[in-house]
C-alpha cells in the first residue's frame, strides 16, 4: 500500500461520522422534505442527515454506494440538499450565527470527493460534516 493510499484512508476515516437523527437519502431530482430529528429515506445517491441540539445543527452527508463515490458530483448533491435545508430553517425563523453558503460543506468536501474517486470502495467510511450554530 503506497503512502498516498495510506493518507487517503486515514483522511477518510478521520472524516467518517456516525448516523444522526434526521436522515434524508435522495437523488438530485427529488423534492426535499425536512424535519429535524426525524428520519426520511428513499434510494440511490446520497444519505443526508441532520442532528439538532439546543444551539447547533450538525449536517452529515455521504455517498450510498461505490458507483456514486466514483464521481465527485455527490458533493454537489450534498451541498444543494444542505443549502435547501438551511434556507428552509431560515424561512421558519431560525437565525444562524454565520452566513449560509451555497456550499455548506465547503472546499474540504470537494477535496474529500476527489480523494474518494480514486478508491470508491471506501464509500462506507466516507462522510462529510459541517455544523451551523443558531441563536435561540
Foldseek 3Di string as FASTA:
>chain_A
DDPLVVVLVVVLLVQFDDAAQEKEDDDLVDDDDGDERHYDYDDDFKIWHWHDDPWKIKIKMFGDALVNLLDLCSQLSSLQNVLVVVVVVVVVPWAWPDDRDSNQLPPVSSVSSVSCNVPSRCRVSHMTIDMITTDD
